[in-house]
Amino acid sequence: MSRATFIERKTVFECSLESLWEFFADPRNNAKPVPPGASFTILTEADHIYPGLIVEHLDGMGDGSEIYGMTEVTVVDPYKYFVDIHHYGMFKFWHHQHHFTAVDDGAEMRDVIHFQPSEQFPGTVQDAKNMLEGLFSFRDQTVRDLLTGK
């Protein structure tokens, strides 16, 4: 039996805690910080997260193929944290905690992710980890630019 892989990231954004929360609390914004060559299409029409929200999406793999995914927001504590889990798609297991904290120079977001790729993922566990690290780095820079108007 293989174990879930763990990633933890902390990023400080030069914006208010409220601005950072509002950005991430709108599921439509997940489609904004996607690197060139990849795609992420939200199929669900919702403008704010809440416990029980099912977000259906298509994950573009960069080679023209797409994988259907279904994620559920399970816990929401406004301006503090929310959790989403993956029910279907490129991950057999996905548990993603998003923690938000006001800090002296803005707002910090801490991502805590446990995951295991499904058979639909085209690669190894290390490939998945590398892909996610790249996606999160791109996301952080894109969100930073969007929130500061750069």
Foldseek 3Di string as FASTA:
>chain_A
DDFWDKDKDKDFAQAALVLVLQQVQAVVNVQVLFDPLKGKAWPDDDGGADAFDKIWIWTGPSPRDTWIWIKGWHDDDRSAKTWIWTDDTQWPTWIWIWGWDADPRHIMIMIIIITHTDPPDPDHPVVVVVVVVVSVVSNSVRVSCVRVVD
